[in-house]
Amino acid sequence: MDYGNMVGEAFGYAKEGLVGKWMKWILLLIATILLTLPLMGYSLKILRGEKPSPEVEGWGTLFIDGIKYLIICLIYAIPVFIILAVTMAPVLAAAMTGDSNAVMAGLGGFLLGLVLLVIVAIIIGLFEFIGIVRFARTGSMGEAFNFSAILATIGKIGWVNYILALIIMGIILVIIETICSLIPVVGMLLLFILMPFLTIFQARYTCMVYDSAGSA
C-alpha cells in the first residue's frame, strides 16, 4: 500500500474540489454549522467513490444520510458509553460519601476503566471505518454492522496495512488540529474554515483504503 500516494491523491482530490470553488466551500461550512449532519451526508457521497468531489446539492438527502450516519456512530459507541458509565459510577458514589480512601480506590478503578475504554474504542473504530463505507456503498444501515463482511474486507487489505493507514490519517489530522489550536484567537476559526477540506480529505483517503481490498 502506497501511503504517500494515497495521502497526495486525497489532498489533491480535496484541493481540486474546493480551491477556487468558494461557493461550494461556503455551502459546506453551512453544512458544518447545521450540526454537521449535511456534511456527514456529503462525505458518504465521497465514500461511494464519486470523482471528482460531488456538488453540494439535495440537502434533504444530505440531512437524512447524515442522520443515518450519526445513528450508526452512536450504535458503535454504545460499548464505550457503557464502560464510561460503569467506570464513572464508583468515583461519583465515593465522592458523595466524602471518604478519601473510597475516592482513591474509585480513581484507581477509573484509570483502569479508561485504559479499557481506549482499547475498546480502538477496536470499535477499526470496524466502524469499514462499516461506514459499506453503508455508503449499499445504502443499508445493516451492512454497517455486517461484521463477517467487514472482517473479510480488512483481511483483504491486510491488518497491518489497514492499521498503519488509519494511524497515518490520524496523525495528519491531529497535526493540523494541533497547529490550529496553537494559533491565538483565530485558531479555532481557522479549524472551522478548514473543516470541509479535512472532511473531504478524510473521506477520500478512507475510500481509497477500502478500495485497496479489491486490489489486494
C-alpha atoms as a PDB file:
ATOM      1  CA  MET A   1       0.000   0.000   0.000  1.00  0.00           C
ATOM      2  CA  ASP A   2       1.499   3.308  -1.153  1.00  0.00           C
ATOM      3  CA  TYR A   3       0.582   5.565   1.775  1.00  0.00           C
ATOM      4  CA  GLY A   4       2.332   8.620   0.367  1.00  0.00           C
ATOM      5  CA  ASN A   5       0.465   8.358  -2.918  1.00  0.00           C
ATOM      6  CA  MET A   6      -2.834   7.904  -1.085  1.00  0.00           C
ATOM      7  CA  VAL A   7      -2.250  10.995   1.061  1.00  0.00           C
ATOM      8  CA  GLY A   8      -1.256  13.000  -2.001  1.00  0.00           C
ATOM      9  CA  GLU A   9      -4.253  11.820  -4.010  1.00  0.00           C
ATOM     10  CA  ALA A  10      -6.675  12.559  -1.176  1.00  0.00           C
ATOM     11  CA  PHE A  11      -5.145  16.013  -0.697  1.00  0.00           C
ATOM     12  CA  GLY A  12      -5.331  16.711  -4.434  1.00  0.00           C
ATOM     13  CA  TYR A  13      -8.945  15.491  -4.514  1.00  0.00           C
ATOM     14  CA  ALA A  14      -9.906  17.924  -1.741  1.00  0.00           C
ATOM     15  CA  LYS A  15      -7.900  20.758  -3.295  1.00  0.00           C
ATOM     16  CA  GLU A  16      -9.462  20.249  -6.724  1.00  0.00           C
ATOM     17  CA  GLY A  17     -12.905  20.077  -5.168  1.00  0.00           C
ATOM     18  CA  LEU A  18     -12.683  23.255  -3.088  1.00  0.00           C
ATOM     19  CA  VAL A  19      -9.879  25.625  -4.026  1.00  0.00           C
ATOM     20  CA  GLY A  20     -11.288  28.216  -6.391  1.00  0.00           C
ATOM     21  CA  LYS A  21     -14.802  26.901  -5.823  1.00  0.00           C
ATOM     22  CA  TRP A  22     -15.582  29.176  -2.912  1.00  0.00           C
ATOM     23  CA  MET A  23     -19.378  28.884  -3.093  1.00  0.00           C
ATOM     24  CA  LYS A  24     -19.047  25.120  -2.657  1.00  0.00           C
ATOM     25  CA  TRP A  25     -16.755  25.719   0.333  1.00  0.00           C
ATOM     26  CA  ILE A  26     -19.279  28.158   1.831  1.00  0.00           C
ATOM     27  CA  LEU A  27     -22.116  25.656   1.374  1.00  0.00           C
ATOM     28  CA  LEU A  28     -20.086  23.007   3.183  1.00  0.00           C
ATOM     29  CA  LEU A  29     -19.383  25.483   6.000  1.00  0.00           C
ATOM     30  CA  ILE A  30     -23.149  25.984   6.273  1.00  0.00           C
ATOM     31  CA  ALA A  31     -23.484  22.184   6.341  1.00  0.00           C
ATOM     32  CA  THR A  32     -20.983  22.162   9.217  1.00  0.00           C
ATOM     33  CA  ILE A  33     -22.980  24.746  11.158  1.00  0.00           C
ATOM     34  CA  LEU A  34     -26.131  22.630  10.811  1.00  0.00           C
ATOM     35  CA  LEU A  35     -24.864  20.146  13.431  1.00  0.00           C
ATOM     36  CA  THR A  36     -22.539  18.736  10.719  1.00  0.00           C
ATOM     37  CA  LEU A  37     -25.357  16.405   9.612  1.00  0.00           C
ATOM     38  CA  PRO A  38     -25.404  17.551   5.961  1.00  0.00           C
ATOM     39  CA  LEU A  39     -21.595  17.430   5.968  1.00  0.00           C
ATOM     40  CA  MET A  40     -21.715  13.820   7.153  1.00  0.00           C
ATOM     41  CA  GLY A  41     -24.231  13.057   4.433  1.00  0.00           C
ATOM     42  CA  TYR A  42     -21.961  14.721   1.876  1.00  0.00           C
ATOM     43  CA  SER A  43     -18.983  12.622   2.994  1.00  0.00           C
ATOM     44  CA  LEU A  44     -20.994   9.481   2.211  1.00  0.00           C
ATOM     45  CA  LYS A  45     -21.163  10.584  -1.432  1.00  0.00           C
ATOM     46  CA  ILE A  46     -17.367  10.665  -1.480  1.00  0.00           C
ATOM     47  CA  LEU A  47     -17.173   7.267   0.220  1.00  0.00           C
ATOM     48  CA  ARG A  48     -19.268   5.879  -2.641  1.00  0.00           C
ATOM     49  CA  GLY A  49     -16.321   6.676  -4.873  1.00  0.00           C
ATOM     50  CA  GLU A  50     -17.611   9.755  -6.686  1.00  0.00           C
ATOM     51  CA  LYS A  51     -14.865  11.561  -8.638  1.00  0.00           C
ATOM     52  CA  PRO A  52     -14.336  14.460  -8.746  1.00  0.00           C
ATOM     53  CA  SER A  53     -15.848  15.574  -5.444  1.00  0.00           C
ATOM     54  CA  PRO A  54     -19.637  15.959  -5.862  1.00  0.00           C
ATOM     55  CA  GLU A  55     -21.550  19.192  -5.798  1.00  0.00           C
ATOM     56  CA  VAL A  56     -23.370  20.225  -2.614  1.00  0.00           C
ATOM     57  CA  GLU A  57     -26.991  19.594  -3.551  1.00  0.00           C
ATOM     58  CA  GLY A  58     -30.009  17.611  -2.421  1.00  0.00           C
ATOM     59  CA  TRP A  59     -29.985  18.973   1.126  1.00  0.00           C
ATOM     60  CA  GLY A  60     -32.874  16.777   2.221  1.00  0.00           C
ATOM     61  CA  THR A  61     -30.929  13.664   1.239  1.00  0.00           C
ATOM     62  CA  LEU A  62     -27.779  15.027   2.864  1.00  0.00           C
ATOM     63  CA  PHE A  63     -29.668  15.553   6.133  1.00  0.00           C
ATOM     64  CA  ILE A  64     -31.249  12.088   6.077  1.00  0.00           C
ATOM     65  CA  ASP A  65     -27.976  10.369   5.211  1.00  0.00           C
ATOM     66  CA  GLY A  66     -26.233  12.406   7.899  1.00  0.00           C
ATOM     67  CA  ILE A  67     -28.776  11.296  10.498  1.00  0.00           C
ATOM     68  CA  LYS A  68     -28.291   7.648   9.463  1.00  0.00           C
ATOM     69  CA  TYR A  69     -24.525   8.136   9.670  1.00  0.00           C
ATOM     70  CA  LEU A  70     -24.900   9.589  13.181  1.00  0.00           C
ATOM     71  CA  ILE A  71     -27.133   6.721  14.305  1.00  0.00           C
ATOM     72  CA  ILE A  72     -24.562   4.184  13.104  1.00  0.00           C
ATOM     73  CA  CYS A  73     -21.821   6.026  15.009  1.00  0.00           C
ATOM     74  CA  LEU A  74     -23.946   6.134  18.178  1.00  0.00           C
ATOM     75  CA  ILE A  75     -24.687   2.409  17.968  1.00  0.00           C
ATOM     76  CA  TYR A  76     -20.984   1.668  17.589  1.00  0.00           C
ATOM     77  CA  ALA A  77     -20.302   3.915  20.585  1.00  0.00           C
ATOM     78  CA  ILE A  78     -22.701   2.047  22.918  1.00  0.00           C
ATOM     79  CA  PRO A  79     -19.949  -0.194  24.421  1.00  0.00           C
ATOM     80  CA  VAL A  80     -17.842   2.914  25.078  1.00  0.00           C
ATOM     81  CA  PHE A  81     -20.765   4.660  26.792  1.00  0.00           C
ATOM     82  CA  ILE A  82     -21.389   1.577  28.947  1.00  0.00           C
ATOM     83  CA  ILE A  83     -17.745   1.306  30.017  1.00  0.00           C
ATOM     84  CA  LEU A  84     -17.635   5.031  30.766  1.00  0.00           C
ATOM     85  CA  ALA A  85     -20.788   4.836  32.885  1.00  0.00           C
ATOM     86  CA  VAL A  86     -19.569   1.775  34.814  1.00  0.00           C
ATOM     87  CA  THR A  87     -16.187   3.424  35.339  1.00  0.00           C
ATOM     88  CA  MET A  88     -17.579   6.761  36.499  1.00  0.00           C
ATOM     89  CA  ALA A  89     -20.241   5.383  38.838  1.00  0.00           C
ATOM     90  CA  PRO A  90     -17.878   4.224  41.662  1.00  0.00           C
ATOM     91  CA  VAL A  91     -15.984   7.538  41.579  1.00  0.00           C
ATOM     92  CA  LEU A  92     -19.173   9.570  41.856  1.00  0.00           C
ATOM     93  CA  ALA A  93     -20.526   7.316  44.605  1.00  0.00           C
ATOM     94  CA  ALA A  94     -17.266   7.611  46.560  1.00  0.00           C
ATOM     95  CA  ALA A  95     -17.205  11.383  46.138  1.00  0.00           C
ATOM     96  CA  MET A  96     -20.702  11.617  47.600  1.00  0.00           C
ATOM     97  CA  THR A  97     -19.605   9.732  50.728  1.00  0.00           C
ATOM     98  CA  GLY A  98     -16.680  12.075  51.342  1.00  0.00           C
ATOM     99  CA  ASP A  99     -14.451   9.091  52.210  1.00  0.00           C
ATOM    100  CA  SER A 100     -10.980   9.877  50.835  1.00  0.00           C
ATOM    101  CA  ASN A 101      -9.960   6.200  50.802  1.00  0.00           C
ATOM    102  CA  ALA A 102     -13.049   5.308  48.807  1.00  0.00           C
ATOM    103  CA  VAL A 103     -12.347   8.174  46.422  1.00  0.00           C
ATOM    104  CA  MET A 104      -8.772   6.976  45.828  1.00  0.00           C
ATOM    105  CA  ALA A 105      -9.982   3.430  45.242  1.00  0.00           C
ATOM    106  CA  GLY A 106     -12.585   4.761  42.870  1.00  0.00           C
ATOM    107  CA  LEU A 107      -9.979   6.776  40.968  1.00  0.00           C
ATOM    108  CA  GLY A 108      -7.819   3.669  40.638  1.00  0.00           C
ATOM    109  CA  GLY A 109     -10.737   1.817  39.099  1.00  0.00           C
ATOM    110  CA  PHE A 110     -11.467   4.823  36.921  1.00  0.00           C
ATOM    111  CA  LEU A 111      -7.940   4.805  35.466  1.00  0.00           C
ATOM    112  CA  LEU A 112      -8.169   1.089  34.709  1.00  0.00           C
ATOM    113  CA  GLY A 113     -11.543   1.729  33.134  1.00  0.00           C
ATOM    114  CA  LEU A 114     -10.056   4.441  30.937  1.00  0.00           C
ATOM    115  CA  VAL A 115      -7.410   2.038  29.658  1.00  0.00           C
ATOM    116  CA  LEU A 116     -10.120  -0.488  28.817  1.00  0.00           C
ATOM    117  CA  LEU A 117     -12.205   2.245  27.221  1.00  0.00           C
ATOM    118  CA  VAL A 118      -9.337   3.295  24.937  1.00  0.00           C
ATOM    119  CA  ILE A 119      -8.693  -0.312  23.867  1.00  0.00           C
ATOM    120  CA  VAL A 120     -12.369  -0.938  23.144  1.00  0.00           C
ATOM    121  CA  ALA A 121     -12.699   2.387  21.294  1.00  0.00           C
ATOM    122  CA  ILE A 122      -9.747   1.486  19.036  1.00  0.00           C
ATOM    123  CA  ILE A 123     -11.191  -1.945  18.236  1.00  0.00           C
ATOM    124  CA  ILE A 124     -14.610  -0.430  17.518  1.00  0.00           C
ATOM    125  CA  GLY A 125     -13.018   2.207  15.294  1.00  0.00           C
ATOM    126  CA  LEU A 126     -11.358  -0.467  13.149  1.00  0.00           C
ATOM    127  CA  PHE A 127     -14.762  -1.990  12.398  1.00  0.00           C
ATOM    128  CA  GLU A 128     -16.605   1.332  12.179  1.00  0.00           C
ATOM    129  CA  PHE A 129     -14.489   2.818   9.384  1.00  0.00           C
ATOM    130  CA  ILE A 130     -15.201  -0.108   7.076  1.00  0.00           C
ATOM    131  CA  GLY A 131     -18.805  -0.340   8.276  1.00  0.00           C
ATOM    132  CA  ILE A 132     -19.499   3.279   7.309  1.00  0.00           C
ATOM    133  CA  VAL A 133     -18.121   2.702   3.814  1.00  0.00           C
ATOM    134  CA  ARG A 134     -20.276  -0.419   3.464  1.00  0.00           C
ATOM    135  CA  PHE A 135     -23.310   1.675   4.419  1.00  0.00           C
ATOM    136  CA  ALA A 136     -22.328   4.330   1.875  1.00  0.00           C
ATOM    137  CA  ARG A 137     -21.883   1.756  -0.890  1.00  0.00           C
ATOM    138  CA  THR A 138     -25.011  -0.323  -0.201  1.00  0.00           C
ATOM    139  CA  GLY A 139     -27.420   2.204   1.344  1.00  0.00           C
ATOM    140  CA  SER A 140     -28.216  -0.384   4.034  1.00  0.00           C
ATOM    141  CA  MET A 141     -27.596   0.535   7.662  1.00  0.00           C
ATOM    142  CA  GLY A 142     -27.497  -3.164   8.471  1.00  0.00           C
ATOM    143  CA  GLU A 143     -24.410  -3.539   6.264  1.00  0.00           C
ATOM    144  CA  ALA A 144     -22.588  -1.159   8.586  1.00  0.00           C
ATOM    145  CA  PHE A 145     -22.744  -3.968  11.151  1.00  0.00           C
ATOM    146  CA  ASN A 146     -22.058  -6.901   8.827  1.00  0.00           C
ATOM    147  CA  PHE A 147     -19.029  -7.914  10.861  1.00  0.00           C
ATOM    148  CA  SER A 148     -18.170 -11.005   8.822  1.00  0.00           C
ATOM    149  CA  ALA A 149     -18.016  -8.889   5.644  1.00  0.00           C
ATOM    150  CA  ILE A 150     -16.078  -6.168   7.482  1.00  0.00           C
ATOM    151  CA  LEU A 151     -13.530  -8.716   8.704  1.00  0.00           C
ATOM    152  CA  ALA A 152     -13.240 -10.129   5.184  1.00  0.00           C
ATOM    153  CA  THR A 153     -12.536  -6.654   3.785  1.00  0.00           C
ATOM    154  CA  ILE A 154      -9.918  -5.883   6.419  1.00  0.00           C
ATOM    155  CA  GLY A 155      -8.355  -9.271   5.728  1.00  0.00           C
ATOM    156  CA  LYS A 156      -8.029  -8.427   2.042  1.00  0.00           C
ATOM    157  CA  ILE A 157      -6.496  -5.037   2.838  1.00  0.00           C
ATOM    158  CA  GLY A 158      -4.206  -6.619   5.414  1.00  0.00           C
ATOM    159  CA  TRP A 159      -4.499  -5.835   9.116  1.00  0.00           C
ATOM    160  CA  VAL A 160      -1.069  -4.187   9.293  1.00  0.00           C
ATOM    161  CA  ASN A 161      -1.701  -2.139   6.144  1.00  0.00           C
ATOM    162  CA  TYR A 162      -5.131  -1.103   7.403  1.00  0.00           C
ATOM    163  CA  ILE A 163      -3.997  -0.066  10.877  1.00  0.00           C
ATOM    164  CA  LEU A 164      -0.996   1.837   9.510  1.00  0.00           C
ATOM    165  CA  ALA A 165      -3.246   3.637   7.020  1.00  0.00           C
ATOM    166  CA  LEU A 166      -5.567   4.781   9.801  1.00  0.00           C
ATOM    167  CA  ILE A 167      -2.645   5.816  12.024  1.00  0.00           C
ATOM    168  CA  ILE A 168      -1.185   7.942   9.220  1.00  0.00           C
ATOM    169  CA  MET A 169      -4.526   9.625   8.597  1.00  0.00           C
ATOM    170  CA  GLY A 170      -4.989  10.213  12.327  1.00  0.00           C
ATOM    171  CA  ILE A 171      -1.518  11.738  12.686  1.00  0.00           C
ATOM    172  CA  ILE A 172      -2.124  14.136   9.792  1.00  0.00           C
ATOM    173  CA  LEU A 173      -5.456  15.299  11.213  1.00  0.00           C
ATOM    174  CA  VAL A 174      -4.064  15.659  14.754  1.00  0.00           C
ATOM    175  CA  ILE A 175      -1.098  17.717  13.499  1.00  0.00           C
ATOM    176  CA  ILE A 176      -3.395  20.086  11.602  1.00  0.00           C
ATOM    177  CA  GLU A 177      -5.798  20.412  14.537  1.00  0.00           C
ATOM    178  CA  THR A 178      -2.913  20.959  16.977  1.00  0.00           C
ATOM    179  CA  ILE A 179      -1.371  23.688  14.821  1.00  0.00           C
ATOM    180  CA  CYS A 180      -4.719  25.441  14.567  1.00  0.00           C
ATOM    181  CA  SER A 181      -5.300  25.194  18.321  1.00  0.00           C
ATOM    182  CA  LEU A 182      -1.930  26.824  19.000  1.00  0.00           C
ATOM    183  CA  ILE A 183      -2.737  29.902  16.936  1.00  0.00           C
ATOM    184  CA  PRO A 184      -4.060  32.587  19.305  1.00  0.00           C
ATOM    185  CA  VAL A 185      -7.565  33.970  18.774  1.00  0.00           C
ATOM    186  CA  VAL A 186      -8.115  32.817  15.182  1.00  0.00           C
ATOM    187  CA  GLY A 187      -7.010  29.191  15.588  1.00  0.00           C
ATOM    188  CA  MET A 188     -10.468  27.752  16.219  1.00  0.00           C
ATOM    189  CA  LEU A 189     -11.948  29.870  13.433  1.00  0.00           C
ATOM    190  CA  LEU A 190      -9.282  28.568  11.058  1.00  0.00           C
ATOM    191  CA  LEU A 191     -10.054  24.971  12.060  1.00  0.00           C
ATOM    192  CA  PHE A 192     -13.741  25.611  11.386  1.00  0.00           C
ATOM    193  CA  ILE A 193     -12.930  27.028   7.951  1.00  0.00           C
ATOM    194  CA  LEU A 194     -10.749  24.005   7.174  1.00  0.00           C
ATOM    195  CA  MET A 195     -13.424  21.516   8.274  1.00  0.00           C
ATOM    196  CA  PRO A 196     -14.862  20.962   4.753  1.00  0.00           C
ATOM    197  CA  PHE A 197     -11.366  20.397   3.332  1.00  0.00           C
ATOM    198  CA  LEU A 198     -10.418  17.973   6.111  1.00  0.00           C
ATOM    199  CA  THR A 199     -13.721  16.117   5.779  1.00  0.00           C
ATOM    200  CA  ILE A 200     -13.244  15.634   2.043  1.00  0.00           C
ATOM    201  CA  PHE A 201      -9.611  14.607   2.553  1.00  0.00           C
ATOM    202  CA  GLN A 202     -10.540  12.043   5.207  1.00  0.00           C
ATOM    203  CA  ALA A 203     -13.460  10.623   3.222  1.00  0.00           C
ATOM    204  CA  ARG A 204     -11.417  10.248   0.028  1.00  0.00           C
ATOM    205  CA  TYR A 205      -8.493   8.682   1.914  1.00  0.00           C
ATOM    206  CA  THR A 206     -10.839   6.235   3.659  1.00  0.00           C
ATOM    207  CA  CYS A 207     -12.439   5.432   0.294  1.00  0.00           C
ATOM    208  CA  MET A 208      -9.038   4.507  -1.153  1.00  0.00           C
ATOM    209  CA  VAL A 209      -8.143   2.373   1.861  1.00  0.00           C
ATOM    210  CA  TYR A 210     -11.433   0.472   1.418  1.00  0.00           C
ATOM    211  CA  ASP A 211     -10.955   0.075  -2.332  1.00  0.00           C
ATOM    212  CA  SER A 212      -7.446  -1.311  -1.827  1.00  0.00           C
ATOM    213  CA  ALA A 213      -9.161  -4.534  -0.709  1.00  0.00           C
ATOM    214  CA  GLY A 214     -10.118  -5.095  -4.339  1.00  0.00           C
ATOM    215  CA  SER A 215      -6.525  -4.909  -5.497  1.00  0.00           C
ATOM    216  CA  ALA A 216      -5.065  -6.869  -2.602  1.00  0.00           C
END
